Amino acid sequence: MKDATRKQRTVMMTDAEWQDLKETAAAAGMRVSAFIIHRLAVASGTAGDARIGDTLARMERSLACLEEIERLRLADPDAWKAVSEMVDARLALMRRLDR
């Protein structure tokens, strides 16, 4: 049986890469170390059902986002620019999470 004791590890990255990693992990609601482990598991295929769950959760969030967009658009047609900017920001975040 493998030793399950967590140990500190060191990685090399630029300040900009570190900042991007911290922001992406925070956007996913995770600590940096948990985010790295999760992304490695997904990339290696060991996450299995977690990827399906992640996909379904993303679809649910996307549908909720679309529902909110439509509600805002119908409530105030002049707010379309702000809604469009919100969608663009959301898509940019989702693309970062998919990396």
N, C-alpha and C. Protein backbone atom coordinates (compact mmCIF):
# COMPACT_ATOMS: atom_id res chain seq x y z
N MET A 1 0.84 -1.18 0.00
CA MET A 1 0.00 0.00 0.00
C MET A 1 0.88 1.25 0.00
N LYS A 2 0.51 2.23 -0.82
CA LYS A 2 1.28 3.46 -0.92
C LYS A 2 1.12 4.31 0.33
N ASP A 3 2.19 5.04 0.65
CA ASP A 3 2.14 5.97 1.77
C ASP A 3 1.24 7.15 1.37
N ALA A 4 0.20 7.42 2.15
CA ALA A 4 -0.76 8.48 1.83
C ALA A 4 -0.42 9.81 2.48
N THR A 5 0.76 9.91 3.08
CA THR A 5 1.16 11.16 3.72
C THR A 5 1.42 12.22 2.66
N ARG A 6 0.79 13.35 2.83
CA ARG A 6 1.02 14.45 1.89
C ARG A 6 2.33 15.15 2.26
N LYS A 7 3.10 15.46 1.23
CA LYS A 7 4.38 16.14 1.42
C LYS A 7 4.41 17.38 0.54
N GLN A 8 5.15 18.35 0.98
CA GLN A 8 5.29 19.57 0.20
C GLN A 8 6.18 19.28 -1.01
N ARG A 9 5.80 19.79 -2.17
CA ARG A 9 6.56 19.65 -3.42
C ARG A 9 6.86 21.04 -3.96
N THR A 10 7.85 21.12 -4.81
CA THR A 10 8.24 22.39 -5.38
C THR A 10 8.09 22.35 -6.89
N VAL A 11 7.54 23.41 -7.45
CA VAL A 11 7.46 23.56 -8.90
C VAL A 11 8.02 24.92 -9.26
N MET A 12 8.50 25.04 -10.47
CA MET A 12 9.06 26.30 -10.94
C MET A 12 8.07 26.93 -11.91
N MET A 13 7.78 28.22 -11.72
CA MET A 13 6.92 28.95 -12.64
C MET A 13 7.16 30.43 -12.45
N THR A 14 6.75 31.18 -13.45
CA THR A 14 6.90 32.64 -13.36
C THR A 14 5.84 33.19 -12.41
N ASP A 15 6.03 34.44 -12.01
CA ASP A 15 5.03 35.08 -11.16
C ASP A 15 3.69 35.15 -11.89
N ALA A 16 3.71 35.43 -13.18
CA ALA A 16 2.47 35.52 -13.96
C ALA A 16 1.78 34.16 -14.03
N GLU A 17 2.55 33.08 -14.21
CA GLU A 17 1.96 31.74 -14.24
C GLU A 17 1.35 31.39 -12.88
N TRP A 18 2.04 31.75 -11.80
CA TRP A 18 1.54 31.49 -10.45
C TRP A 18 0.24 32.25 -10.20
N GLN A 19 0.22 33.52 -10.59
CA GLN A 19 -0.98 34.34 -10.41
C GLN A 19 -2.15 33.75 -11.20
N ASP A 20 -1.88 33.34 -12.43
CA ASP A 20 -2.93 32.73 -13.27
C ASP A 20 -3.44 31.44 -12.63
N LEU A 21 -2.53 30.64 -12.11
CA LEU A 21 -2.92 29.39 -11.45
C LEU A 21 -3.78 29.66 -10.23
N LYS A 22 -3.39 30.63 -9.40
CA LYS A 22 -4.16 30.97 -8.21
C LYS A 22 -5.56 31.47 -8.58
N GLU A 23 -5.64 32.33 -9.60
CA GLU A 23 -6.93 32.87 -10.01
C GLU A 23 -7.84 31.78 -10.59
N THR A 24 -7.25 30.89 -11.38
CA THR A 24 -8.03 29.81 -11.99
C THR A 24 -8.54 28.84 -10.93
N ALA A 25 -7.68 28.52 -9.97
CA ALA A 25 -8.10 27.63 -8.87
C ALA A 25 -9.20 28.29 -8.04
N ALA A 26 -9.04 29.58 -7.75
CA ALA A 26 -10.06 30.30 -6.98
C ALA A 26 -11.39 30.33 -7.73
N ALA A 27 -11.32 30.54 -9.05
CA ALA A 27 -12.55 30.56 -9.86
C ALA A 27 -13.24 29.21 -9.84
N ALA A 28 -12.47 28.15 -9.69
CA ALA A 28 -13.04 26.79 -9.61
C ALA A 28 -13.46 26.46 -8.18
N GLY A 29 -13.20 27.38 -7.23
CA GLY A 29 -13.56 27.16 -5.84
C GLY A 29 -12.66 26.15 -5.14
N MET A 30 -11.40 26.09 -5.56
CA MET A 30 -10.48 25.09 -5.02
C MET A 30 -9.19 25.75 -4.54
N ARG A 31 -8.51 25.08 -3.60
CA ARG A 31 -7.15 25.48 -3.24
C ARG A 31 -6.24 25.12 -4.40
N VAL A 32 -5.11 25.78 -4.51
CA VAL A 32 -4.18 25.54 -5.62
C VAL A 32 -3.76 24.07 -5.67
N SER A 33 -3.37 23.50 -4.54
CA SER A 33 -2.90 22.11 -4.56
C SER A 33 -4.02 21.16 -4.99
N ALA A 34 -5.24 21.37 -4.49
CA ALA A 34 -6.36 20.51 -4.88
C ALA A 34 -6.67 20.67 -6.37
N PHE A 35 -6.56 21.91 -6.87
CA PHE A 35 -6.82 22.17 -8.29
C PHE A 35 -5.80 21.44 -9.16
N ILE A 36 -4.53 21.49 -8.79
CA ILE A 36 -3.48 20.81 -9.56
C ILE A 36 -3.73 19.30 -9.58
N ILE A 37 -4.02 18.73 -8.42
CA ILE A 37 -4.26 17.29 -8.34
C ILE A 37 -5.48 16.91 -9.18
N HIS A 38 -6.55 17.71 -9.09
CA HIS A 38 -7.75 17.43 -9.87
C HIS A 38 -7.46 17.47 -11.37
N ARG A 39 -6.75 18.52 -11.80
CA ARG A 39 -6.47 18.66 -13.24
C ARG A 39 -5.56 17.53 -13.73
N LEU A 40 -4.63 17.10 -12.92
CA LEU A 40 -3.77 15.97 -13.31
C LEU A 40 -4.58 14.69 -13.42
N ALA A 41 -5.51 14.49 -12.50
CA ALA A 41 -6.36 13.29 -12.55
C ALA A 41 -7.24 13.30 -13.80
N VAL A 42 -7.78 14.46 -14.14
CA VAL A 42 -8.61 14.56 -15.35
C VAL A 42 -7.76 14.32 -16.58
N ALA A 43 -6.57 14.92 -16.63
CA ALA A 43 -5.70 14.77 -17.80
C ALA A 43 -5.24 13.33 -17.99
N SER A 44 -5.03 12.61 -16.89
CA SER A 44 -4.54 11.24 -17.00
C SER A 44 -5.67 10.23 -17.17
N GLY A 45 -6.91 10.72 -17.05
CA GLY A 45 -8.04 9.82 -17.21
C GLY A 45 -8.40 9.06 -15.96
N THR A 46 -7.71 9.32 -14.85
CA THR A 46 -8.02 8.60 -13.62
C THR A 46 -9.22 9.20 -12.90
N ALA A 47 -9.68 10.37 -13.38
CA ALA A 47 -10.84 10.99 -12.74
C ALA A 47 -12.13 10.29 -13.14
N GLY A 48 -12.11 9.60 -14.29
CA GLY A 48 -13.25 8.81 -14.73
C GLY A 48 -14.57 9.52 -14.64
N ASP A 49 -15.41 9.08 -13.72
CA ASP A 49 -16.75 9.64 -13.57
C ASP A 49 -16.72 11.11 -13.20
N ALA A 50 -15.63 11.58 -12.62
CA ALA A 50 -15.54 12.99 -12.24
C ALA A 50 -15.65 13.88 -13.47
N ARG A 51 -15.08 13.43 -14.60
CA ARG A 51 -15.18 14.24 -15.82
C ARG A 51 -16.62 14.34 -16.28
N ILE A 52 -17.36 13.25 -16.19
CA ILE A 52 -18.78 13.28 -16.57
C ILE A 52 -19.53 14.21 -15.63
N GLY A 53 -19.25 14.09 -14.34
CA GLY A 53 -19.89 14.98 -13.37
C GLY A 53 -19.54 16.43 -13.61
N ASP A 54 -18.27 16.71 -13.95
CA ASP A 54 -17.85 18.07 -14.25
C ASP A 54 -18.58 18.60 -15.48
N THR A 55 -18.71 17.76 -16.49
CA THR A 55 -19.40 18.17 -17.72
C THR A 55 -20.86 18.47 -17.44
N LEU A 56 -21.51 17.61 -16.67
CA LEU A 56 -22.92 17.84 -16.34
C LEU A 56 -23.07 19.10 -15.49
N ALA A 57 -22.16 19.32 -14.56
CA ALA A 57 -22.22 20.52 -13.73
C ALA A 57 -22.02 21.76 -14.59
N ARG A 58 -21.09 21.70 -15.54
CA ARG A 58 -20.86 22.84 -16.43
C ARG A 58 -22.09 23.10 -17.30
N MET A 59 -22.73 22.04 -17.77
CA MET A 59 -23.95 22.21 -18.57
C MET A 59 -25.06 22.85 -17.73
N GLU A 60 -25.18 22.40 -16.49
CA GLU A 60 -26.19 22.97 -15.60
C GLU A 60 -25.92 24.46 -15.36
N ARG A 61 -24.65 24.81 -15.11
CA ARG A 61 -24.29 26.22 -14.91
C ARG A 61 -24.58 27.03 -16.17
N SER A 62 -24.27 26.45 -17.33
CA SER A 62 -24.50 27.15 -18.59
C SER A 62 -25.98 27.42 -18.82
N LEU A 63 -26.81 26.43 -18.54
CA LEU A 63 -28.25 26.63 -18.69
C LEU A 63 -28.77 27.68 -17.71
N ALA A 64 -28.27 27.65 -16.48
CA ALA A 64 -28.68 28.65 -15.51
C ALA A 64 -28.24 30.04 -15.96
N CYS A 65 -27.05 30.12 -16.54
CA CYS A 65 -26.53 31.39 -17.06
C CYS A 65 -27.42 31.90 -18.20
N LEU A 66 -27.78 31.01 -19.11
CA LEU A 66 -28.66 31.40 -20.22
C LEU A 66 -30.01 31.87 -19.71
N GLU A 67 -30.54 31.19 -18.71
CA GLU A 67 -31.82 31.59 -18.13
C GLU A 67 -31.73 32.99 -17.54
N GLU A 68 -30.62 33.26 -16.83
CA GLU A 68 -30.43 34.58 -16.23
C GLU A 68 -30.26 35.65 -17.31
N ILE A 69 -29.54 35.33 -18.35
CA ILE A 69 -29.35 36.28 -19.45
C ILE A 69 -30.69 36.64 -20.08
N GLU A 70 -31.49 35.65 -20.34
CA GLU A 70 -32.79 35.90 -20.96
C GLU A 70 -33.68 36.72 -20.03
N ARG A 71 -33.64 36.43 -18.74
CA ARG A 71 -34.43 37.20 -17.78
C ARG A 71 -34.00 38.67 -17.78
N LEU A 72 -32.69 38.90 -17.77
CA LEU A 72 -32.18 40.28 -17.80
C LEU A 72 -32.52 40.99 -19.11
N ARG A 73 -32.40 40.27 -20.21
CA ARG A 73 -32.68 40.87 -21.53
C ARG A 73 -34.14 41.29 -21.63
N LEU A 74 -35.04 40.44 -21.15
CA LEU A 74 -36.46 40.76 -21.22
C LEU A 74 -36.85 41.86 -20.24
N ALA A 75 -36.20 41.91 -19.10
CA ALA A 75 -36.51 42.91 -18.09
C ALA A 75 -36.05 44.30 -18.50
N ASP A 76 -34.93 44.38 -19.23
CA ASP A 76 -34.38 45.68 -19.60
C ASP A 76 -33.62 45.57 -20.92
N PRO A 77 -34.30 45.80 -22.04
CA PRO A 77 -33.63 45.67 -23.34
C PRO A 77 -32.37 46.55 -23.47
N ASP A 78 -32.33 47.66 -22.73
CA ASP A 78 -31.16 48.55 -22.81
C ASP A 78 -29.94 47.96 -22.09
N ALA A 79 -30.16 46.93 -21.30
CA ALA A 79 -29.07 46.32 -20.55
C ALA A 79 -28.31 45.29 -21.36
N TRP A 80 -28.63 45.14 -22.64
CA TRP A 80 -28.02 44.08 -23.46
C TRP A 80 -26.50 44.18 -23.50
N LYS A 81 -25.94 45.39 -23.54
CA LYS A 81 -24.48 45.54 -23.57
C LYS A 81 -23.86 44.95 -22.31
N ALA A 82 -24.43 45.25 -21.15
CA ALA A 82 -23.90 44.72 -19.89
C ALA A 82 -24.04 43.20 -19.85
N VAL A 83 -25.15 42.70 -20.35
CA VAL A 83 -25.36 41.26 -20.38
C VAL A 83 -24.35 40.60 -21.31
N SER A 84 -24.09 41.21 -22.46
CA SER A 84 -23.10 40.67 -23.40
C SER A 84 -21.71 40.62 -22.77
N GLU A 85 -21.36 41.67 -22.03
CA GLU A 85 -20.06 41.69 -21.35
C GLU A 85 -19.99 40.59 -20.29
N MET A 86 -21.10 40.35 -19.58
CA MET A 86 -21.14 39.30 -18.57
C MET A 86 -20.92 37.94 -19.23
N VAL A 87 -21.54 37.73 -20.37
CA VAL A 87 -21.39 36.46 -21.09
C VAL A 87 -19.94 36.29 -21.55
N ASP A 88 -19.36 37.34 -22.10
CA ASP A 88 -17.97 37.27 -22.55
C ASP A 88 -17.04 36.93 -21.39
N ALA A 89 -17.26 37.53 -20.23
CA ALA A 89 -16.43 37.25 -19.05
C ALA A 89 -16.61 35.80 -18.61
N ARG A 90 -17.84 35.33 -18.64
CA ARG A 90 -18.12 33.94 -18.25
C ARG A 90 -17.44 32.96 -19.20
N LEU A 91 -17.52 33.22 -20.50
CA LEU A 91 -16.87 32.35 -21.48
C LEU A 91 -15.36 32.35 -21.31
N ALA A 92 -14.78 33.50 -21.04
CA ALA A 92 -13.33 33.57 -20.82
C ALA A 92 -12.94 32.74 -19.60
N LEU A 93 -13.72 32.81 -18.54
CA LEU A 93 -13.44 32.02 -17.34
C LEU A 93 -13.55 30.54 -17.66
N MET A 94 -14.57 30.13 -18.37
CA MET A 94 -14.76 28.72 -18.71
C MET A 94 -13.59 28.21 -19.56
N ARG A 95 -13.11 29.05 -20.48
CA ARG A 95 -11.97 28.64 -21.31
C ARG A 95 -10.73 28.44 -20.45
N ARG A 96 -10.53 29.31 -19.45
CA ARG A 96 -9.38 29.17 -18.55
C ARG A 96 -9.49 27.88 -17.74
N LEU A 97 -10.69 27.55 -17.32
CA LEU A 97 -10.89 26.34 -16.53
C LEU A 97 -10.67 25.08 -17.37
N ASP A 98 -10.89 25.19 -18.68
CA ASP A 98 -10.75 24.04 -19.57
C ASP A 98 -9.30 23.75 -19.94
N ARG A 99 -8.40 24.67 -19.63
CA ARG A 99 -7.00 24.44 -20.01
C ARG A 99 -6.42 23.28 -19.27
